Protein backbone atom coordinates (compact mmCIF):
# COMPACT_ATOMS: atom_id res chain seq x y z
CA MET A 1 17.21 4.65 -1.00
CA LYS A 2 18.45 4.48 -4.65
CA ASP A 3 16.31 6.64 -6.99
CA GLY A 4 13.45 6.77 -4.46
CA GLN A 5 11.75 9.73 -3.18
CA TYR A 6 9.34 10.15 -0.35
CA PHE A 7 5.80 10.90 -1.49
CA ARG A 8 2.41 11.38 -0.16
CA PRO A 9 0.07 8.61 -1.06
CA THR A 10 -3.30 9.44 -2.50
CA VAL A 11 -6.46 7.75 -1.09
CA ASN A 12 -8.08 5.19 -3.44
CA GLU A 13 -5.08 5.08 -5.59
CA VAL A 14 -3.60 1.71 -6.46
CA TYR A 15 0.19 1.45 -6.41
CA THR A 16 2.59 -1.34 -7.57
CA ASN A 17 5.20 -2.41 -5.26
CA LYS A 18 8.82 -3.22 -6.40
CA ASN A 19 7.88 -6.84 -6.16
CA GLY A 20 5.00 -6.47 -8.48
CA SER A 21 2.07 -6.76 -5.92
CA GLN A 22 -0.60 -4.04 -5.90
CA TYR A 23 -1.80 -2.01 -2.95
CA ARG A 24 -4.55 0.40 -2.49
CA CYS A 25 -4.26 3.33 -0.34
CA LEU A 26 -7.09 3.43 2.19
CA SER A 27 -6.06 6.59 4.14
CA ALA A 28 -2.84 8.75 4.17
CA ASP A 29 -1.10 11.02 6.56
CA GLY A 30 2.09 12.62 5.17
CA PHE A 31 4.52 9.95 4.01
CA ASP A 32 2.58 7.22 5.90
CA ALA A 33 -0.53 5.21 4.62
CA GLU A 34 -3.03 2.60 5.46
CA MET A 35 -2.68 0.04 2.71
CA ILE A 36 -4.50 -2.95 1.52
CA HIS A 37 -3.13 -5.68 -0.87
CA THR A 38 -5.65 -5.81 -3.77
CA THR A 39 -5.75 -9.59 -3.90
CA SER A 40 -4.99 -11.04 -0.40
CA LYS A 41 -6.62 -8.13 1.44
CA TRP A 42 -3.57 -7.89 3.87
CA ARG A 43 -4.12 -4.47 5.52
CA PHE A 44 -1.38 -2.45 7.32
CA LYS A 45 0.16 0.91 7.96
CA ALA A 46 3.09 1.60 5.58
CA LEU A 47 5.42 4.06 7.23
CA GLY A 48 7.93 6.13 4.94
CA CYS A 49 6.34 5.63 1.60
CA HIS A 50 8.66 6.33 -1.33
CA MET A 51 8.31 6.10 -5.03
CA TYR A 52 10.99 5.23 -7.74
CA ASP A 53 11.57 6.69 -11.15
CA ASP A 54 9.54 3.86 -12.64
CA GLY A 55 6.44 4.71 -10.46
CA LYS A 56 6.73 1.67 -8.32
CA ILE A 57 6.65 2.11 -4.54
CA GLU A 58 7.98 0.69 -1.22
CA TRP A 59 7.99 1.90 2.44
CA ASN A 60 10.59 1.86 5.21
CA TRP A 61 8.56 -0.59 7.50
CA SER A 62 5.00 -1.53 8.28
CA ILE A 63 2.93 -2.02 11.50
CA GLY A 64 -0.45 -3.39 12.44
CA GLY A 65 -0.80 -5.92 9.47
CA TYR A 66 -3.91 -8.32 9.35
CA PHE A 67 -6.06 -9.93 6.80
CA ASP A 68 -9.18 -7.83 6.39
CA THR A 69 -11.73 -10.66 6.42
CA ALA A 70 -14.61 -8.36 5.55
CA GLN A 71 -12.84 -7.13 2.39
CA ARG A 72 -11.98 -10.81 1.46
CA ARG A 73 -15.58 -11.85 1.68
CA MET A 74 -16.69 -8.84 -0.42
CA ALA A 75 -14.12 -9.80 -3.00
CA ASN A 76 -15.17 -13.41 -3.11
CA ASP A 77 -18.72 -12.40 -3.58
CA ASP A 78 -17.99 -10.67 -7.00
């Protein structure tokens, strides 16, 4: 993991992935976090979160991904 350091995500913080997508942390446990994509509402558990010197993040792998249809409806109501 070049330049990346494991970090403990903060609940309600929005993080930018190396690919430019943004994810909100819904819950966290150590270096793992329940995340949701801020636009598509794809929700998943990110395992092994790490942050780079530029503040962008990645994770080792993810599990349990699904589109959170309730979150998508709320976003469309705005």
